[in-house]
């Protein structure tokens, strides 16, 4: 599955996207949880700014 997403990101249209990883605190346990998402390049700052 990881190979498919990497291959998709390397196509000509895939260069418009970025894989973003954000660290959040779990409200239940208080431990840190990492959220991985593929977003368009122009929405990266918006994705990281929201909480």
PDB file of N, CA and C in Angstrom:
ATOM      1  N   UNK A   1       0.824  -1.184   0.000  1.00  0.00           N
ATOM      2  CA  UNK A   1       0.000   0.000   0.000  1.00  0.00           C
ATOM      3  C   UNK A   1       0.869   1.250   0.000  1.00  0.00           C
ATOM      4  N   UNK A   2       1.953   1.248   0.745  1.00  0.00           N
ATOM      5  CA  UNK A   2       2.823   2.411   0.780  1.00  0.00           C
ATOM      6  C   UNK A   2       3.447   2.656  -0.581  1.00  0.00           C
ATOM      7  N   UNK A   3       3.770   1.591  -1.293  1.00  0.00           N
ATOM      8  CA  UNK A   3       4.361   1.765  -2.608  1.00  0.00           C
ATOM      9  C   UNK A   3       3.380   2.437  -3.552  1.00  0.00           C
ATOM     10  N   UNK A   4       2.114   2.114  -3.443  1.00  0.00           N
ATOM     11  CA  UNK A   4       1.112   2.708  -4.317  1.00  0.00           C
ATOM     12  C   UNK A   4       0.987   4.212  -4.069  1.00  0.00           C
ATOM     13  N   UNK A   5       0.984   4.640  -2.810  1.00  0.00           N
ATOM     14  CA  UNK A   5       0.858   6.065  -2.526  1.00  0.00           C
ATOM     15  C   UNK A   5       2.100   6.825  -2.955  1.00  0.00           C
ATOM     16  N   UNK A   6       3.277   6.240  -2.803  1.00  0.00           N
ATOM     17  CA  UNK A   6       4.509   6.897  -3.238  1.00  0.00           C
ATOM     18  C   UNK A   6       4.527   6.999  -4.752  1.00  0.00           C
ATOM     19  N   UNK A   7       4.116   5.937  -5.439  1.00  0.00           N
ATOM     20  CA  UNK A   7       4.075   5.956  -6.897  1.00  0.00           C
ATOM     21  C   UNK A   7       3.077   7.002  -7.384  1.00  0.00           C
ATOM     22  N   UNK A   8       1.968   7.151  -6.687  1.00  0.00           N
ATOM     23  CA  UNK A   8       0.973   8.142  -7.076  1.00  0.00           C
ATOM     24  C   UNK A   8       1.515   9.549  -6.880  1.00  0.00           C
ATOM     25  N   UNK A   9       2.282   9.772  -5.844  1.00  0.00           N
ATOM     26  CA  UNK A   9       2.827  11.105  -5.599  1.00  0.00           C
ATOM     27  C   UNK A   9       3.893  11.487  -6.618  1.00  0.00           C
ATOM     28  N   UNK A  10       4.491  10.531  -7.294  1.00  0.00           N
ATOM     29  CA  UNK A  10       5.564  10.828  -8.232  1.00  0.00           C
ATOM     30  C   UNK A  10       5.083  11.057  -9.656  1.00  0.00           C
ATOM     31  N   UNK A  11       3.817  10.948  -9.910  1.00  0.00           N
ATOM     32  CA  UNK A  11       3.306  11.223 -11.250  1.00  0.00           C
ATOM     33  C   UNK A  11       3.287  12.733 -11.478  1.00  0.00           C
ATOM     34  N   UNK A  12       3.035  13.130 -12.697  1.00  0.00           N
ATOM     35  CA  UNK A  12       3.026  14.568 -13.019  1.00  0.00           C
ATOM     36  C   UNK A  12       1.968  15.309 -12.213  1.00  0.00           C
ATOM     37  N   UNK A  13       0.794  14.720 -12.032  1.00  0.00           N
ATOM     38  CA  UNK A  13      -0.245  15.391 -11.252  1.00  0.00           C
ATOM     39  C   UNK A  13      -0.003  15.222  -9.761  1.00  0.00           C
ATOM     40  N   UNK A  14       0.773  14.239  -9.370  1.00  0.00           N
ATOM     41  CA  UNK A  14       1.037  13.993  -7.962  1.00  0.00           C
ATOM     42  C   UNK A  14       2.001  14.981  -7.345  1.00  0.00           C
ATOM     43  N   UNK A  15       2.662  15.760  -8.157  1.00  0.00           N
ATOM     44  CA  UNK A  15       3.606  16.743  -7.620  1.00  0.00           C
ATOM     45  C   UNK A  15       2.901  17.923  -6.974  1.00  0.00           C
ATOM     46  N   UNK A  16       1.613  17.993  -7.140  1.00  0.00           N
ATOM     47  CA  UNK A  16       0.829  19.067  -6.548  1.00  0.00           C
ATOM     48  C   UNK A  16       0.384  18.736  -5.128  1.00  0.00           C
ATOM     49  N   UNK A  17       0.787  17.581  -4.610  1.00  0.00           N
ATOM     50  CA  UNK A  17       0.372  17.139  -3.293  1.00  0.00           C
ATOM     51  C   UNK A  17       1.573  16.942  -2.381  1.00  0.00           C
ATOM     52  N   UNK A  18       1.334  17.028  -1.076  1.00  0.00           N
ATOM     53  CA  UNK A  18       2.382  16.815  -0.087  1.00  0.00           C
ATOM     54  C   UNK A  18       1.841  15.930   1.028  1.00  0.00           C
ATOM     55  N   UNK A  19       2.690  15.077   1.563  1.00  0.00           N
ATOM     56  CA  UNK A  19       2.316  14.252   2.705  1.00  0.00           C
ATOM     57  C   UNK A  19       2.681  15.031   3.969  1.00  0.00           C
ATOM     58  N   UNK A  20       1.687  15.304   4.785  1.00  0.00           N
ATOM     59  CA  UNK A  20       1.869  16.131   5.976  1.00  0.00           C
ATOM     60  C   UNK A  20       1.633  15.275   7.209  1.00  0.00           C
ATOM     61  N   UNK A  21       2.536  15.396   8.174  1.00  0.00           N
ATOM     62  CA  UNK A  21       2.409  14.658   9.435  1.00  0.00           C
ATOM     63  C   UNK A  21       2.284  15.686  10.554  1.00  0.00           C
ATOM     64  N   UNK A  22       1.200  15.582  11.327  1.00  0.00           N
ATOM     65  CA  UNK A  22       0.960  16.518  12.425  1.00  0.00           C
ATOM     66  C   UNK A  22       0.880  15.748  13.729  1.00  0.00           C
ATOM     67  N   UNK A  23       1.488  16.279  14.773  1.00  0.00           N
ATOM     68  CA  UNK A  23       1.479  15.645  16.075  1.00  0.00           C
ATOM     69  C   UNK A  23       0.376  16.270  16.927  1.00  0.00           C
ATOM     70  N   UNK A  24      -0.463  15.431  17.522  1.00  0.00           N
ATOM     71  CA  UNK A  24      -1.552  15.890  18.374  1.00  0.00           C
ATOM     72  C   UNK A  24      -1.539  15.118  19.673  1.00  0.00           C
ATOM     73  N   UNK A  25      -2.126  15.698  20.694  1.00  0.00           N
ATOM     74  CA  UNK A  25      -2.286  14.994  21.969  1.00  0.00           C
ATOM     75  C   UNK A  25      -3.627  14.289  21.985  1.00  0.00           C
ATOM     76  N   UNK A  26      -3.618  13.046  22.409  1.00  0.00           N
ATOM     77  CA  UNK A  26      -4.856  12.288  22.530  1.00  0.00           C
ATOM     78  C   UNK A  26      -5.604  12.772  23.761  1.00  0.00           C
ATOM     79  N   UNK A  27      -6.863  13.153  23.625  1.00  0.00           N
ATOM     80  CA  UNK A  27      -7.610  13.624  24.801  1.00  0.00           C
ATOM     81  C   UNK A  27      -7.882  12.507  25.810  1.00  0.00           C
ATOM     82  N   UNK A  28      -7.905  11.284  25.336  1.00  0.00           N
ATOM     83  CA  UNK A  28      -8.220  10.158  26.210  1.00  0.00           C
ATOM     84  C   UNK A  28      -7.031   9.764  27.077  1.00  0.00           C
ATOM     85  N   UNK A  29      -5.843   9.612  26.469  1.00  0.00           N
ATOM     86  CA  UNK A  29      -4.683   9.124  27.217  1.00  0.00           C
ATOM     87  C   UNK A  29      -3.643  10.201  27.499  1.00  0.00           C
ATOM     88  N   UNK A  30      -3.655  11.294  26.738  1.00  0.00           N
ATOM     89  CA  UNK A  30      -2.653  12.333  26.908  1.00  0.00           C
ATOM     90  C   UNK A  30      -1.374  12.044  26.142  1.00  0.00           C
ATOM     91  N   UNK A  31      -1.303  10.905  25.473  1.00  0.00           N
ATOM     92  CA  UNK A  31      -0.121  10.566  24.688  1.00  0.00           C
ATOM     93  C   UNK A  31      -0.179  11.284  23.340  1.00  0.00           C
ATOM     94  N   UNK A  32       0.964  11.397  22.689  1.00  0.00           N
ATOM     95  CA  UNK A  32       1.012  12.038  21.382  1.00  0.00           C
ATOM     96  C   UNK A  32       0.609  11.051  20.298  1.00  0.00           C
ATOM     97  N   UNK A  33      -0.163  11.542  19.333  1.00  0.00           N
ATOM     98  CA  UNK A  33      -0.637  10.751  18.206  1.00  0.00           C
ATOM     99  C   UNK A  33      -0.228  11.487  16.938  1.00  0.00           C
ATOM    100  N   UNK A  34       0.244  10.759  15.947  1.00  0.00           N
ATOM    101  CA  UNK A  34       0.665  11.358  14.696  1.00  0.00           C
ATOM    102  C   UNK A  34      -0.402  11.138  13.633  1.00  0.00           C
ATOM    103  N   UNK A  35      -0.843  12.222  12.998  1.00  0.00           N
ATOM    104  CA  UNK A  35      -1.846  12.178  11.936  1.00  0.00           C
ATOM    105  C   UNK A  35      -1.138  12.424  10.607  1.00  0.00           C
ATOM    106  N   UNK A  36      -1.247  11.472   9.690  1.00  0.00           N
ATOM    107  CA  UNK A  36      -0.642  11.604   8.366  1.00  0.00           C
ATOM    108  C   UNK A  36      -1.745  11.824   7.341  1.00  0.00           C
ATOM    109  N   UNK A  37      -1.563  12.828   6.492  1.00  0.00           N
ATOM    110  CA  UNK A  37      -2.554  13.161   5.486  1.00  0.00           C
ATOM    111  C   UNK A  37      -1.855  13.648   4.230  1.00  0.00           C
ATOM    112  N   UNK A  38      -2.448  13.364   3.082  1.00  0.00           N
ATOM    113  CA  UNK A  38      -1.948  13.890   1.821  1.00  0.00           C
ATOM    114  C   UNK A  38      -2.869  15.030   1.420  1.00  0.00           C
ATOM    115  N   UNK A  39      -2.294  16.237   1.310  1.00  0.00           N
ATOM    116  CA  UNK A  39      -3.071  17.434   0.996  1.00  0.00           C
ATOM    117  C   UNK A  39      -2.430  18.159  -0.186  1.00  0.00           C
ATOM    118  N   UNK A  40      -3.199  18.981  -0.903  1.00  0.00           N
ATOM    119  CA  UNK A  40      -2.617  19.800  -1.970  1.00  0.00           C
ATOM    120  C   UNK A  40      -1.603  20.790  -1.401  1.00  0.00           C
ATOM    121  N   UNK A  41      -0.613  21.148  -2.207  1.00  0.00           N
ATOM    122  CA  UNK A  41       0.462  22.028  -1.735  1.00  0.00           C
ATOM    123  C   UNK A  41      -0.050  23.371  -1.234  1.00  0.00           C
ATOM    124  N   UNK A  42      -1.104  23.906  -1.824  1.00  0.00           N
ATOM    125  CA  UNK A  42      -1.591  25.212  -1.401  1.00  0.00           C
ATOM    126  C   UNK A  42      -2.378  25.162  -0.094  1.00  0.00           C
ATOM    127  N   UNK A  43      -2.690  23.983   0.432  1.00  0.00           N
ATOM    128  CA  UNK A  43      -3.451  23.863   1.678  1.00  0.00           C
ATOM    129  C   UNK A  43      -2.603  23.342   2.844  1.00  0.00           C
ATOM    130  N   UNK A  44      -1.298  23.244   2.674  1.00  0.00           N
ATOM    131  CA  UNK A  44      -0.430  22.700   3.720  1.00  0.00           C
ATOM    132  C   UNK A  44      -0.442  23.591   4.953  1.00  0.00           C
ATOM    133  N   UNK A  45      -0.280  24.896   4.774  1.00  0.00           N
ATOM    134  CA  UNK A  45      -0.248  25.801   5.925  1.00  0.00           C
ATOM    135  C   UNK A  45      -1.582  25.822   6.658  1.00  0.00           C
ATOM    136  N   UNK A  46      -2.684  25.734   5.930  1.00  0.00           N
ATOM    137  CA  UNK A  46      -4.005  25.701   6.566  1.00  0.00           C
ATOM    138  C   UNK A  46      -4.178  24.443   7.389  1.00  0.00           C
ATOM    139  N   UNK A  47      -3.693  23.308   6.867  1.00  0.00           N
ATOM    140  CA  UNK A  47      -3.809  22.046   7.580  1.00  0.00           C
ATOM    141  C   UNK A  47      -3.003  22.070   8.868  1.00  0.00           C
ATOM    142  N   UNK A  48      -1.806  22.635   8.824  1.00  0.00           N
ATOM    143  CA  UNK A  48      -0.960  22.679  10.019  1.00  0.00           C
ATOM    144  C   UNK A  48      -1.445  23.737  11.016  1.00  0.00           C
ATOM    145  N   UNK A  49      -2.126  24.752  10.555  1.00  0.00           N
ATOM    146  CA  UNK A  49      -2.578  25.832  11.443  1.00  0.00           C
ATOM    147  C   UNK A  49      -3.789  25.424  12.281  1.00  0.00           C
ATOM    148  N   UNK A  50      -4.678  24.577  11.734  1.00  0.00           N
ATOM    149  CA  UNK A  50      -5.866  24.211  12.499  1.00  0.00           C
ATOM    150  C   UNK A  50      -5.526  23.239  13.609  1.00  0.00           C
ATOM    151  N   UNK A  51      -6.321  23.294  14.677  1.00  0.00           N
ATOM    152  CA  UNK A  51      -6.044  22.446  15.823  1.00  0.00           C
ATOM    153  C   UNK A  51      -7.137  21.454  16.043  1.00  0.00           C
TER     154      UNK A  51
END
